[in-house]
């Protein structure tokens, strides 16, 4: 069971933030730690089987003030069920268009030369 935990911690400087992150990161069952809130004064912790009271006590020892604000179970998002798509209508066969053109031919006419040339070799 995954948990989401938000703990408000008194963090006055970057050194306090670093110490708070280190204490939370080494706790048993913690998967991720992030700063949260508009003033970055809260730790958002995600993990499985985290002992919240023990974690808050460790933060109080190190930083003097820690308040548990939210402890909730994170539900895994279920994978979306694929919606069955209706089968596509059958596509009609492609239309074949035949064009018939009249046959093309050229007409030639043989014309006799009225005055034959005097030289027959050429």
PDB file of N, CA and C in Angstrom:
ATOM      1  N   UNK A   1       0.849  -1.174   0.000  1.00  0.00           N
ATOM      2  CA  UNK A   1       0.000   0.000   0.000  1.00  0.00           C
ATOM      3  C   UNK A   1       0.891   1.232   0.000  1.00  0.00           C
ATOM      4  N   UNK A   2       0.778   2.022  -1.049  1.00  0.00           N
ATOM      5  CA  UNK A   2       1.578   3.235  -1.159  1.00  0.00           C
ATOM      6  C   UNK A   2       0.945   4.338  -0.327  1.00  0.00           C
ATOM      7  N   UNK A   3       1.801   5.140   0.278  1.00  0.00           N
ATOM      8  CA  UNK A   3       1.341   6.237   1.114  1.00  0.00           C
ATOM      9  C   UNK A   3       1.881   7.550   0.605  1.00  0.00           C
ATOM     10  N   UNK A   4       1.077   8.588   0.808  1.00  0.00           N
ATOM     11  CA  UNK A   4       1.520   9.952   0.556  1.00  0.00           C
ATOM     12  C   UNK A   4       1.462  10.654   1.902  1.00  0.00           C
ATOM     13  N   UNK A   5       2.585  11.197   2.330  1.00  0.00           N
ATOM     14  CA  UNK A   5       2.684  11.828   3.639  1.00  0.00           C
ATOM     15  C   UNK A   5       3.173  13.255   3.442  1.00  0.00           C
ATOM     16  N   UNK A   6       2.505  14.200   4.113  1.00  0.00           N
ATOM     17  CA  UNK A   6       2.955  15.586   4.097  1.00  0.00           C
ATOM     18  C   UNK A   6       3.243  15.973   5.543  1.00  0.00           C
ATOM     19  N   UNK A   7       4.476  16.408   5.805  1.00  0.00           N
ATOM     20  CA  UNK A   7       4.900  16.807   7.146  1.00  0.00           C
ATOM     21  C   UNK A   7       5.423  18.230   7.070  1.00  0.00           C
ATOM     22  N   UNK A   8       4.881  19.095   7.926  1.00  0.00           N
ATOM     23  CA  UNK A   8       5.358  20.476   7.996  1.00  0.00           C
ATOM     24  C   UNK A   8       6.542  20.510   8.957  1.00  0.00           C
ATOM     25  N   UNK A   9       7.655  21.062   8.477  1.00  0.00           N
ATOM     26  CA  UNK A   9       8.896  21.084   9.255  1.00  0.00           C
ATOM     27  C   UNK A   9       9.391  22.516   9.302  1.00  0.00           C
ATOM     28  N   UNK A  10       9.936  22.935  10.455  1.00  0.00           N
ATOM     29  CA  UNK A  10      10.500  24.282  10.534  1.00  0.00           C
ATOM     30  C   UNK A  10      11.865  24.266   9.840  1.00  0.00           C
ATOM     31  N   UNK A  11      11.904  24.893   8.679  1.00  0.00           N
ATOM     32  CA  UNK A  11      13.145  24.964   7.903  1.00  0.00           C
ATOM     33  C   UNK A  11      13.435  26.433   7.629  1.00  0.00           C
ATOM     34  N   UNK A  12      14.484  26.943   8.255  1.00  0.00           N
ATOM     35  CA  UNK A  12      14.792  28.367   8.152  1.00  0.00           C
ATOM     36  C   UNK A  12      15.820  28.682   7.075  1.00  0.00           C
ATOM     37  N   UNK A  13      16.640  27.729   6.722  1.00  0.00           N
ATOM     38  CA  UNK A  13      17.709  27.983   5.759  1.00  0.00           C
ATOM     39  C   UNK A  13      17.896  26.757   4.869  1.00  0.00           C
ATOM     40  N   UNK A  14      18.785  26.854   3.910  1.00  0.00           N
ATOM     41  CA  UNK A  14      19.019  25.742   2.988  1.00  0.00           C
ATOM     42  C   UNK A  14      19.658  24.552   3.707  1.00  0.00           C
ATOM     43  N   UNK A  15      20.441  24.819   4.780  1.00  0.00           N
ATOM     44  CA  UNK A  15      21.042  23.729   5.542  1.00  0.00           C
ATOM     45  C   UNK A  15      19.948  22.913   6.242  1.00  0.00           C
ATOM     46  N   UNK A  16      18.935  23.600   6.795  1.00  0.00           N
ATOM     47  CA  UNK A  16      17.819  22.898   7.446  1.00  0.00           C
ATOM     48  C   UNK A  16      17.044  22.062   6.429  1.00  0.00           C
ATOM     49  N   UNK A  17      16.851  22.606   5.229  1.00  0.00           N
ATOM     50  CA  UNK A  17      16.146  21.854   4.172  1.00  0.00           C
ATOM     51  C   UNK A  17      16.934  20.594   3.807  1.00  0.00           C
ATOM     52  N   UNK A  18      18.236  20.739   3.668  1.00  0.00           N
ATOM     53  CA  UNK A  18      19.082  19.600   3.317  1.00  0.00           C
ATOM     54  C   UNK A  18      19.018  18.526   4.396  1.00  0.00           C
ATOM     55  N   UNK A  19      19.085  18.934   5.662  1.00  0.00           N
ATOM     56  CA  UNK A  19      19.022  17.958   6.757  1.00  0.00           C
ATOM     57  C   UNK A  19      17.672  17.255   6.792  1.00  0.00           C
ATOM     58  N   UNK A  20      16.581  18.013   6.577  1.00  0.00           N
ATOM     59  CA  UNK A  20      15.243  17.410   6.575  1.00  0.00           C
ATOM     60  C   UNK A  20      15.102  16.402   5.442  1.00  0.00           C
ATOM     61  N   UNK A  21      15.602  16.749   4.273  1.00  0.00           N
ATOM     62  CA  UNK A  21      15.535  15.839   3.137  1.00  0.00           C
ATOM     63  C   UNK A  21      16.355  14.578   3.398  1.00  0.00           C
ATOM     64  N   UNK A  22      17.522  14.729   4.014  1.00  0.00           N
ATOM     65  CA  UNK A  22      18.368  13.572   4.303  1.00  0.00           C
ATOM     66  C   UNK A  22      17.715  12.644   5.323  1.00  0.00           C
ATOM     67  N   UNK A  23      17.126  13.211   6.376  1.00  0.00           N
ATOM     68  CA  UNK A  23      16.475  12.389   7.405  1.00  0.00           C
ATOM     69  C   UNK A  23      15.312  11.619   6.787  1.00  0.00           C
ATOM     70  N   UNK A  24      14.516  12.285   5.973  1.00  0.00           N
ATOM     71  CA  UNK A  24      13.356  11.630   5.359  1.00  0.00           C
ATOM     72  C   UNK A  24      13.786  10.590   4.326  1.00  0.00           C
ATOM     73  N   UNK A  25      14.859  10.866   3.594  1.00  0.00           N
ATOM     74  CA  UNK A  25      15.280   9.963   2.519  1.00  0.00           C
ATOM     75  C   UNK A  25      15.801   8.631   3.049  1.00  0.00           C
ATOM     76  N   UNK A  26      16.410   8.622   4.235  1.00  0.00           N
ATOM     77  CA  UNK A  26      16.979   7.379   4.750  1.00  0.00           C
ATOM     78  C   UNK A  26      15.977   6.573   5.570  1.00  0.00           C
ATOM     79  N   UNK A  27      14.778   7.096   5.775  1.00  0.00           N
ATOM     80  CA  UNK A  27      13.768   6.370   6.557  1.00  0.00           C
ATOM     81  C   UNK A  27      13.325   5.122   5.793  1.00  0.00           C
ATOM     82  N   UNK A  28      12.925   4.093   6.547  1.00  0.00           N
ATOM     83  CA  UNK A  28      12.519   2.821   5.960  1.00  0.00           C
ATOM     84  C   UNK A  28      11.245   2.985   5.134  1.00  0.00           C
ATOM     85  N   UNK A  29      11.252   2.480   3.911  1.00  0.00           N
ATOM     86  CA  UNK A  29      10.068   2.467   3.060  1.00  0.00           C
ATOM     87  C   UNK A  29       9.865   3.701   2.206  1.00  0.00           C
ATOM     88  N   UNK A  30      10.721   4.704   2.332  1.00  0.00           N
ATOM     89  CA  UNK A  30      10.553   5.952   1.575  1.00  0.00           C
ATOM     90  C   UNK A  30      11.069   5.751   0.158  1.00  0.00           C
ATOM     91  N   UNK A  31      10.216   6.098  -0.831  1.00  0.00           N
ATOM     92  CA  UNK A  31      10.616   6.009  -2.238  1.00  0.00           C
ATOM     93  C   UNK A  31      11.050   7.359  -2.792  1.00  0.00           C
ATOM     94  N   UNK A  32      10.368   8.432  -2.399  1.00  0.00           N
ATOM     95  CA  UNK A  32      10.755   9.754  -2.891  1.00  0.00           C
ATOM     96  C   UNK A  32      10.400  10.814  -1.865  1.00  0.00           C
ATOM     97  N   UNK A  33      11.178  11.892  -1.874  1.00  0.00           N
ATOM     98  CA  UNK A  33      10.983  13.015  -0.965  1.00  0.00           C
ATOM     99  C   UNK A  33      11.072  14.285  -1.790  1.00  0.00           C
ATOM    100  N   UNK A  34      10.170  15.233  -1.524  1.00  0.00           N
ATOM    101  CA  UNK A  34      10.201  16.507  -2.246  1.00  0.00           C
ATOM    102  C   UNK A  34       9.734  17.613  -1.324  1.00  0.00           C
ATOM    103  N   UNK A  35      10.218  18.817  -1.588  1.00  0.00           N
ATOM    104  CA  UNK A  35       9.732  19.984  -0.860  1.00  0.00           C
ATOM    105  C   UNK A  35       8.383  20.354  -1.436  1.00  0.00           C
ATOM    106  N   UNK A  36       7.487  20.808  -0.552  1.00  0.00           N
ATOM    107  CA  UNK A  36       6.109  21.053  -0.963  1.00  0.00           C
ATOM    108  C   UNK A  36       5.624  22.329  -0.296  1.00  0.00           C
ATOM    109  N   UNK A  37       4.641  22.957  -0.905  1.00  0.00           N
ATOM    110  CA  UNK A  37       4.028  24.149  -0.326  1.00  0.00           C
ATOM    111  C   UNK A  37       4.603  25.415  -0.931  1.00  0.00           C
ATOM    112  N   UNK A  38       3.878  26.519  -0.750  1.00  0.00           N
ATOM    113  CA  UNK A  38       4.334  27.777  -1.352  1.00  0.00           C
ATOM    114  C   UNK A  38       5.638  28.292  -0.741  1.00  0.00           C
ATOM    115  N   UNK A  39       5.871  27.998   0.542  1.00  0.00           N
ATOM    116  CA  UNK A  39       7.096  28.464   1.196  1.00  0.00           C
ATOM    117  C   UNK A  39       8.157  27.366   1.274  1.00  0.00           C
ATOM    118  N   UNK A  40       7.889  26.222   0.645  1.00  0.00           N
ATOM    119  CA  UNK A  40       8.798  25.065   0.642  1.00  0.00           C
ATOM    120  C   UNK A  40       9.140  24.652   2.069  1.00  0.00           C
ATOM    121  N   UNK A  41       8.129  24.693   2.953  1.00  0.00           N
ATOM    122  CA  UNK A  41       8.347  24.334   4.347  1.00  0.00           C
ATOM    123  C   UNK A  41       7.713  22.994   4.700  1.00  0.00           C
ATOM    124  N   UNK A  42       7.283  22.252   3.684  1.00  0.00           N
ATOM    125  CA  UNK A  42       6.663  20.950   3.911  1.00  0.00           C
ATOM    126  C   UNK A  42       7.408  19.895   3.105  1.00  0.00           C
ATOM    127  N   UNK A  43       7.447  18.698   3.637  1.00  0.00           N
ATOM    128  CA  UNK A  43       8.035  17.572   2.927  1.00  0.00           C
ATOM    129  C   UNK A  43       6.913  16.682   2.426  1.00  0.00           C
ATOM    130  N   UNK A  44       6.925  16.358   1.153  1.00  0.00           N
ATOM    131  CA  UNK A  44       5.986  15.384   0.606  1.00  0.00           C
ATOM    132  C   UNK A  44       6.768  14.100   0.419  1.00  0.00           C
ATOM    133  N   UNK A  45       6.315  13.062   1.082  1.00  0.00           N
ATOM    134  CA  UNK A  45       7.026  11.790   1.092  1.00  0.00           C
ATOM    135  C   UNK A  45       6.119  10.727   0.499  1.00  0.00           C
ATOM    136  N   UNK A  46       6.639   9.972  -0.464  1.00  0.00           N
ATOM    137  CA  UNK A  46       5.915   8.847  -1.049  1.00  0.00           C
ATOM    138  C   UNK A  46       6.678   7.577  -0.701  1.00  0.00           C
ATOM    139  N   UNK A  47       5.944   6.573  -0.263  1.00  0.00           N
ATOM    140  CA  UNK A  47       6.613   5.323   0.080  1.00  0.00           C
ATOM    141  C   UNK A  47       5.628   4.243   0.445  1.00  0.00           C
ATOM    142  N   UNK A  48       6.169   3.091   0.796  1.00  0.00           N
ATOM    143  CA  UNK A  48       5.361   1.941   1.191  1.00  0.00           C
ATOM    144  C   UNK A  48       5.795   1.489   2.575  1.00  0.00           C
ATOM    145  N   UNK A  49       4.841   1.377   3.494  1.00  0.00           N
ATOM    146  CA  UNK A  49       5.135   0.900   4.844  1.00  0.00           C
ATOM    147  C   UNK A  49       5.959   1.871   5.663  1.00  0.00           C
ATOM    148  N   UNK A  50       5.802   3.160   5.444  1.00  0.00           N
ATOM    149  CA  UNK A  50       6.560   4.170   6.187  1.00  0.00           C
ATOM    150  C   UNK A  50       5.924   4.331   7.573  1.00  0.00           C
ATOM    151  N   UNK A  51       6.757   4.301   8.616  1.00  0.00           N
ATOM    152  CA  UNK A  51       6.281   4.564   9.979  1.00  0.00           C
ATOM    153  C   UNK A  51       6.292   6.076  10.165  1.00  0.00           C
ATOM    154  N   UNK A  52       5.112   6.678  10.058  1.00  0.00           N
ATOM    155  CA  UNK A  52       4.996   8.138  10.051  1.00  0.00           C
ATOM    156  C   UNK A  52       5.400   8.720  11.397  1.00  0.00           C
ATOM    157  N   UNK A  53       4.993   8.102  12.476  1.00  0.00           N
ATOM    158  CA  UNK A  53       5.325   8.622  13.809  1.00  0.00           C
ATOM    159  C   UNK A  53       6.833   8.606  14.040  1.00  0.00           C
ATOM    160  N   UNK A  54       7.487   7.522  13.623  1.00  0.00           N
ATOM    161  CA  UNK A  54       8.935   7.413  13.772  1.00  0.00           C
ATOM    162  C   UNK A  54       9.654   8.464  12.925  1.00  0.00           C
ATOM    163  N   UNK A  55       9.147   8.685  11.716  1.00  0.00           N
ATOM    164  CA  UNK A  55       9.743   9.689  10.828  1.00  0.00           C
ATOM    165  C   UNK A  55       9.580  11.087  11.414  1.00  0.00           C
ATOM    166  N   UNK A  56       8.400  11.411  11.941  1.00  0.00           N
ATOM    167  CA  UNK A  56       8.175  12.732  12.540  1.00  0.00           C
ATOM    168  C   UNK A  56       9.066  12.925  13.765  1.00  0.00           C
ATOM    169  N   UNK A  57       9.255  11.858  14.555  1.00  0.00           N
ATOM    170  CA  UNK A  57      10.120  11.949  15.731  1.00  0.00           C
ATOM    171  C   UNK A  57      11.573  12.208  15.323  1.00  0.00           C
ATOM    172  N   UNK A  58      12.023  11.540  14.273  1.00  0.00           N
ATOM    173  CA  UNK A  58      13.402  11.753  13.799  1.00  0.00           C
ATOM    174  C   UNK A  58      13.584  13.186  13.286  1.00  0.00           C
ATOM    175  N   UNK A  59      12.567  13.717  12.630  1.00  0.00           N
ATOM    176  CA  UNK A  59      12.652  15.106  12.153  1.00  0.00           C
ATOM    177  C   UNK A  59      12.636  16.082  13.326  1.00  0.00           C
ATOM    178  N   UNK A  60      11.862  15.788  14.368  1.00  0.00           N
ATOM    179  CA  UNK A  60      11.824  16.668  15.547  1.00  0.00           C
ATOM    180  C   UNK A  60      13.178  16.684  16.255  1.00  0.00           C
ATOM    181  N   UNK A  61      13.826  15.500  16.336  1.00  0.00           N
ATOM    182  CA  UNK A  61      15.142  15.438  16.986  1.00  0.00           C
ATOM    183  C   UNK A  61      16.162  16.275  16.228  1.00  0.00           C
ATOM    184  N   UNK A  62      16.087  16.236  14.913  1.00  0.00           N
ATOM    185  CA  UNK A  62      17.089  16.922  14.097  1.00  0.00           C
ATOM    186  C   UNK A  62      16.773  18.407  13.934  1.00  0.00           C
ATOM    187  N   UNK A  63      15.464  18.757  13.790  1.00  0.00           N
ATOM    188  CA  UNK A  63      15.102  20.131  13.443  1.00  0.00           C
ATOM    189  C   UNK A  63      14.174  20.821  14.440  1.00  0.00           C
ATOM    190  N   UNK A  64      13.863  20.201  15.552  1.00  0.00           N
ATOM    191  CA  UNK A  64      13.062  20.762  16.650  1.00  0.00           C
ATOM    192  C   UNK A  64      11.559  20.785  16.403  1.00  0.00           C
ATOM    193  N   UNK A  65      11.081  21.012  15.209  1.00  0.00           N
ATOM    194  CA  UNK A  65       9.637  21.121  15.000  1.00  0.00           C
ATOM    195  C   UNK A  65       9.226  20.365  13.734  1.00  0.00           C
ATOM    196  N   UNK A  66       8.257  19.459  13.878  1.00  0.00           N
ATOM    197  CA  UNK A  66       7.719  18.721  12.731  1.00  0.00           C
ATOM    198  C   UNK A  66       6.284  18.346  13.059  1.00  0.00           C
ATOM    199  N   UNK A  67       5.365  18.633  12.150  1.00  0.00           N
ATOM    200  CA  UNK A  67       3.947  18.355  12.351  1.00  0.00           C
ATOM    201  C   UNK A  67       3.436  17.511  11.190  1.00  0.00           C
ATOM    202  N   UNK A  68       2.782  16.409  11.514  1.00  0.00           N
ATOM    203  CA  UNK A  68       2.194  15.558  10.480  1.00  0.00           C
ATOM    204  C   UNK A  68       0.910  16.230  10.006  1.00  0.00           C
ATOM    205  N   UNK A  69       0.809  16.505   8.714  1.00  0.00           N
ATOM    206  CA  UNK A  69      -0.390  17.156   8.178  1.00  0.00           C
ATOM    207  C   UNK A  69      -1.307  16.188   7.441  1.00  0.00           C
ATOM    208  N   UNK A  70      -0.755  15.392   6.544  1.00  0.00           N
ATOM    209  CA  UNK A  70      -1.583  14.490   5.732  1.00  0.00           C
ATOM    210  C   UNK A  70      -0.912  13.123   5.655  1.00  0.00           C
ATOM    211  N   UNK A  71      -1.715  12.094   5.870  1.00  0.00           N
ATOM    212  CA  UNK A  71      -1.289  10.725   5.599  1.00  0.00           C
ATOM    213  C   UNK A  71      -2.432  10.086   4.827  1.00  0.00           C
ATOM    214  N   UNK A  72      -2.183   9.744   3.586  1.00  0.00           N
ATOM    215  CA  UNK A  72      -3.242   9.136   2.774  1.00  0.00           C
ATOM    216  C   UNK A  72      -2.671   8.043   1.892  1.00  0.00           C
ATOM    217  N   UNK A  73      -3.558   7.149   1.517  1.00  0.00           N
ATOM    218  CA  UNK A  73      -3.171   6.043   0.652  1.00  0.00           C
ATOM    219  C   UNK A  73      -3.259   6.509  -0.801  1.00  0.00           C
ATOM    220  N   UNK A  74      -2.244   6.178  -1.557  1.00  0.00           N
ATOM    221  CA  UNK A  74      -2.223   6.528  -2.981  1.00  0.00           C
ATOM    222  C   UNK A  74      -2.711   5.318  -3.752  1.00  0.00           C
ATOM    223  N   UNK A  75      -3.741   5.521  -4.522  1.00  0.00           N
ATOM    224  CA  UNK A  75      -4.278   4.422  -5.319  1.00  0.00           C
ATOM    225  C   UNK A  75      -3.583   4.405  -6.670  1.00  0.00           C
ATOM    226  N   UNK A  76      -3.210   3.223  -7.082  1.00  0.00           N
ATOM    227  CA  UNK A  76      -2.584   3.059  -8.395  1.00  0.00           C
ATOM    228  C   UNK A  76      -3.623   3.338  -9.470  1.00  0.00           C
ATOM    229  N   UNK A  77      -3.280   4.127 -10.464  1.00  0.00           N
ATOM    230  CA  UNK A  77      -4.243   4.337 -11.544  1.00  0.00           C
ATOM    231  C   UNK A  77      -4.410   3.045 -12.333  1.00  0.00           C
ATOM    232  N   UNK A  78      -5.670   2.671 -12.507  1.00  0.00           N
ATOM    233  CA  UNK A  78      -5.924   1.445 -13.260  1.00  0.00           C
ATOM    234  C   UNK A  78      -5.684   1.701 -14.741  1.00  0.00           C
ATOM    235  N   UNK A  79      -5.149   0.724 -15.434  1.00  0.00           N
ATOM    236  CA  UNK A  79      -4.908   0.942 -16.863  1.00  0.00           C
ATOM    237  C   UNK A  79      -6.245   1.122 -17.578  1.00  0.00           C
ATOM    238  N   UNK A  80      -6.296   2.047 -18.490  1.00  0.00           N
ATOM    239  CA  UNK A  80      -7.562   2.296 -19.190  1.00  0.00           C
ATOM    240  C   UNK A  80      -7.960   1.072 -20.011  1.00  0.00           C
ATOM    241  N   UNK A  81      -9.235   0.764 -19.932  1.00  0.00           N
ATOM    242  CA  UNK A  81      -9.725  -0.371 -20.706  1.00  0.00           C
ATOM    243  C   UNK A  81      -9.911   0.069 -22.149  1.00  0.00           C
ATOM    244  N   UNK A  82      -9.399  -0.688 -23.066  1.00  0.00           N
ATOM    245  CA  UNK A  82      -9.548  -0.283 -24.466  1.00  0.00           C
ATOM    246  C   UNK A  82     -11.004  -0.428 -24.900  1.00  0.00           C
ATOM    247  N   UNK A  83     -11.491   0.596 -25.529  1.00  0.00           N
ATOM    248  CA  UNK A  83     -12.862   0.543 -26.019  1.00  0.00           C
ATOM    249  C   UNK A  83     -12.868  -0.196 -27.345  1.00  0.00           C
ATOM    250  N   UNK A  84     -13.765  -1.149 -27.478  1.00  0.00           N
ATOM    251  CA  UNK A  84     -13.792  -1.894 -28.745  1.00  0.00           C
ATOM    252  C   UNK A  84     -14.258  -0.971 -29.875  1.00  0.00           C
ATOM    253  N   UNK A  85     -13.496  -0.984 -30.916  1.00  0.00           N
ATOM    254  CA  UNK A  85     -13.857  -0.159 -32.064  1.00  0.00           C
ATOM    255  C   UNK A  85     -14.691  -0.986 -33.023  1.00  0.00           C
ATOM    256  N   UNK A  86     -15.720  -0.397 -33.568  1.00  0.00           N
ATOM    257  CA  UNK A  86     -16.536  -1.165 -34.511  1.00  0.00           C
ATOM    258  C   UNK A  86     -15.715  -1.477 -35.757  1.00  0.00           C
ATOM    259  N   UNK A  87     -15.985  -2.619 -36.368  1.00  0.00           N
ATOM    260  CA  UNK A  87     -15.208  -2.958 -37.559  1.00  0.00           C
ATOM    261  C   UNK A  87     -15.492  -1.959 -38.678  1.00  0.00           C
ATOM    262  N   UNK A  88     -14.477  -1.671 -39.410  1.00  0.00           N
ATOM    263  CA  UNK A  88     -14.613  -0.709 -40.500  1.00  0.00           C
ATOM    264  C   UNK A  88     -15.453  -1.324 -41.621  1.00  0.00           C
ATOM    265  N   UNK A  89     -16.284  -0.525 -42.249  1.00  0.00           N
ATOM    266  CA  UNK A  89     -17.080  -1.068 -43.349  1.00  0.00           C
ATOM    267  C   UNK A  89     -16.150  -1.515 -44.481  1.00  0.00           C
ATOM    268  N   UNK A  90     -16.551  -2.542 -45.206  1.00  0.00           N
ATOM    269  CA  UNK A  90     -15.666  -3.014 -46.281  1.00  0.00           C
ATOM    270  C   UNK A  90     -15.523  -1.944 -47.350  1.00  0.00           C
ATOM    271  N   UNK A  91     -14.338  -1.838 -47.848  1.00  0.00           N
ATOM    272  CA  UNK A  91     -14.085  -0.834 -48.883  1.00  0.00           C
ATOM    273  C   UNK A  91     -14.471  -1.424 -50.238  1.00  0.00           C
ATOM    274  N   UNK A  92     -15.126  -0.629 -51.070  1.00  0.00           N
ATOM    275  CA  UNK A  92     -15.500  -1.134 -52.394  1.00  0.00           C
ATOM    276  C   UNK A  92     -14.243  -1.346 -53.238  1.00  0.00           C
ATOM    277  N   UNK A  93     -14.305  -2.263 -54.164  1.00  0.00           N
ATOM    278  CA  UNK A  93     -13.126  -2.486 -55.008  1.00  0.00           C
ATOM    279  C   UNK A  93     -12.869  -1.237 -55.847  1.00  0.00           C
ATOM    280  N   UNK A  94     -11.635  -0.999 -56.175  1.00  0.00           N
ATOM    281  CA  UNK A  94     -11.327   0.205 -56.953  1.00  0.00           C
ATOM    282  C   UNK A  94     -11.998   0.137 -58.333  1.00  0.00           C
ATOM    283  N   UNK A  95     -12.455   1.277 -58.773  1.00  0.00           N
ATOM    284  CA  UNK A  95     -13.115   1.327 -60.075  1.00  0.00           C
ATOM    285  C   UNK A  95     -12.070   1.373 -61.180  1.00  0.00           C
ATOM    286  N   UNK A  96     -12.269   0.553 -62.175  1.00  0.00           N
ATOM    287  CA  UNK A  96     -11.359   0.529 -63.317  1.00  0.00           C
ATOM    288  C   UNK A  96     -12.105   1.153 -64.486  1.00  0.00           C
ATOM    289  N   UNK A  97     -11.511   2.163 -65.039  1.00  0.00           N
ATOM    290  CA  UNK A  97     -12.144   2.874 -66.148  1.00  0.00           C
ATOM    291  C   UNK A  97     -11.398   2.518 -67.429  1.00  0.00           C
ATOM    292  N   UNK A  98     -12.144   2.013 -68.398  1.00  0.00           N
ATOM    293  CA  UNK A  98     -11.563   1.681 -69.693  1.00  0.00           C
ATOM    294  C   UNK A  98     -11.967   2.765 -70.687  1.00  0.00           C
ATOM    295  N   UNK A  99     -11.003   3.279 -71.370  1.00  0.00           N
ATOM    296  CA  UNK A  99     -11.277   4.268 -72.399  1.00  0.00           C
ATOM    297  C   UNK A  99     -10.928   3.642 -73.751  1.00  0.00           C
ATOM    298  N   UNK A 100     -11.858   3.653 -74.646  1.00  0.00           N
ATOM    299  CA  UNK A 100     -11.581   3.128 -75.977  1.00  0.00           C
ATOM    300  C   UNK A 100     -11.492   4.307 -76.930  1.00  0.00           C
ATOM    301  N   UNK A 101     -10.354   4.389 -77.549  1.00  0.00           N
ATOM    302  CA  UNK A 101     -10.132   5.457 -78.506  1.00  0.00           C
ATOM    303  C   UNK A 101     -10.155   4.842 -79.906  1.00  0.00           C
ATOM    304  N   UNK A 102     -10.606   5.593 -80.836  1.00  0.00           N
ATOM    305  CA  UNK A 102     -10.582   5.071 -82.204  1.00  0.00           C
ATOM    306  C   UNK A 102      -9.141   4.821 -82.626  1.00  0.00           C
ATOM    307  N   UNK A 103      -8.903   3.806 -83.427  1.00  0.00           N
ATOM    308  CA  UNK A 103      -7.528   3.526 -83.852  1.00  0.00           C
ATOM    309  C   UNK A 103      -6.978   4.700 -84.663  1.00  0.00           C
ATOM    310  N   UNK A 104      -5.748   5.014 -84.425  1.00  0.00           N
ATOM    311  CA  UNK A 104      -5.130   6.126 -85.127  1.00  0.00           C
ATOM    312  C   UNK A 104      -4.348   5.557 -86.320  1.00  0.00           C
ATOM    313  N   UNK A 105      -4.573   6.141 -87.458  1.00  0.00           N
ATOM    314  CA  UNK A 105      -3.827   5.723 -88.648  1.00  0.00           C
ATOM    315  C   UNK A 105      -3.612   6.954 -89.513  1.00  0.00           C
ATOM    316  N   UNK A 106      -2.595   6.846 -90.343  1.00  0.00           N
ATOM    317  CA  UNK A 106      -2.275   7.937 -91.256  1.00  0.00           C
ATOM    318  C   UNK A 106      -2.575   7.490 -92.677  1.00  0.00           C
ATOM    319  N   UNK A 107      -3.061   8.400 -93.423  1.00  0.00           N
ATOM    320  CA  UNK A 107      -3.380   8.097 -94.819  1.00  0.00           C
ATOM    321  C   UNK A 107      -2.247   8.610 -95.711  1.00  0.00           C
ATOM    322  N   UNK A 108      -1.825   7.760 -96.609  1.00  0.00           N
ATOM    323  CA  UNK A 108      -0.807   8.124 -97.585  1.00  0.00           C
ATOM    324  C   UNK A 108      -1.398   7.952 -98.978  1.00  0.00           C
ATOM    325  N   UNK A 109      -0.961   8.764 -99.842  1.00  0.00           N
ATOM    326  CA  UNK A 109      -1.430   8.672-101.217  1.00  0.00           C
ATOM    327  C   UNK A 109      -0.210   8.651-102.134  1.00  0.00           C
ATOM    328  N   UNK A 110      -0.194   7.727-103.005  1.00  0.00           N
ATOM    329  CA  UNK A 110       0.922   7.614-103.946  1.00  0.00           C
ATOM    330  C   UNK A 110       0.584   8.464-105.165  1.00  0.00           C
ATOM    331  N   UNK A 111       1.486   9.348-105.464  1.00  0.00           N
ATOM    332  CA  UNK A 111       1.281  10.239-106.620  1.00  0.00           C
ATOM    333  C   UNK A 111       2.382   9.941-107.643  1.00  0.00           C
ATOM    334  N   UNK A 112       2.009   9.748-108.846  1.00  0.00           N
ATOM    335  CA  UNK A 112       2.978   9.480-109.916  1.00  0.00           C
ATOM    336  C   UNK A 112       3.575  10.798-110.380  1.00  0.00           C
ATOM    337  N   UNK A 113       4.872  10.768-110.643  1.00  0.00           N
ATOM    338  CA  UNK A 113       5.564  11.977-111.096  1.00  0.00           C
ATOM    339  C   UNK A 113       5.290  12.164-112.590  1.00  0.00           C
ATOM    340  N   UNK A 114       4.711  13.269-112.987  1.00  0.00           N
ATOM    341  CA  UNK A 114       4.340  13.444-114.386  1.00  0.00           C
ATOM    342  C   UNK A 114       5.543  13.572-115.319  1.00  0.00           C
ATOM    343  N   UNK A 115       6.608  14.127-114.872  1.00  0.00           N
ATOM    344  CA  UNK A 115       7.754  14.262-115.774  1.00  0.00           C
ATOM    345  C   UNK A 115       8.934  13.529-115.144  1.00  0.00           C
ATOM    346  N   UNK A 116       9.250  12.339-115.615  1.00  0.00           N
ATOM    347  CA  UNK A 116      10.349  11.591-115.041  1.00  0.00           C
ATOM    348  C   UNK A 116      11.683  12.283-115.351  1.00  0.00           C
ATOM    349  N   UNK A 117      12.598  12.141-114.432  1.00  0.00           N
ATOM    350  CA  UNK A 117      13.908  12.744-114.606  1.00  0.00           C
ATOM    351  C   UNK A 117      14.694  12.022-115.703  1.00  0.00           C
ATOM    352  N   UNK A 118      15.549  12.751-116.446  1.00  0.00           N
ATOM    353  CA  UNK A 118      16.267  12.128-117.525  1.00  0.00           C
ATOM    354  C   UNK A 118      17.292  11.095-117.061  1.00  0.00           C
ATOM    355  N   UNK A 119      17.803  11.236-115.862  1.00  0.00           N
ATOM    356  CA  UNK A 119      18.808  10.294-115.376  1.00  0.00           C
ATOM    357  C   UNK A 119      18.104   9.277-114.509  1.00  0.00           C
ATOM    358  N   UNK A 120      18.231   8.032-114.823  1.00  0.00           N
ATOM    359  CA  UNK A 120      17.516   6.995-114.083  1.00  0.00           C
ATOM    360  C   UNK A 120      18.339   6.428-112.950  1.00  0.00           C
ATOM    361  N   UNK A 121      19.624   6.722-112.854  1.00  0.00           N
ATOM    362  CA  UNK A 121      20.448   6.193-111.779  1.00  0.00           C
ATOM    363  C   UNK A 121      20.120   6.923-110.495  1.00  0.00           C
ATOM    364  N   UNK A 122      19.863   8.095-110.618  1.00  0.00           N
ATOM    365  CA  UNK A 122      19.619   8.852-109.399  1.00  0.00           C
ATOM    366  C   UNK A 122      18.245   8.695-108.963  1.00  0.00           C
TER     367      UNK A 122
END
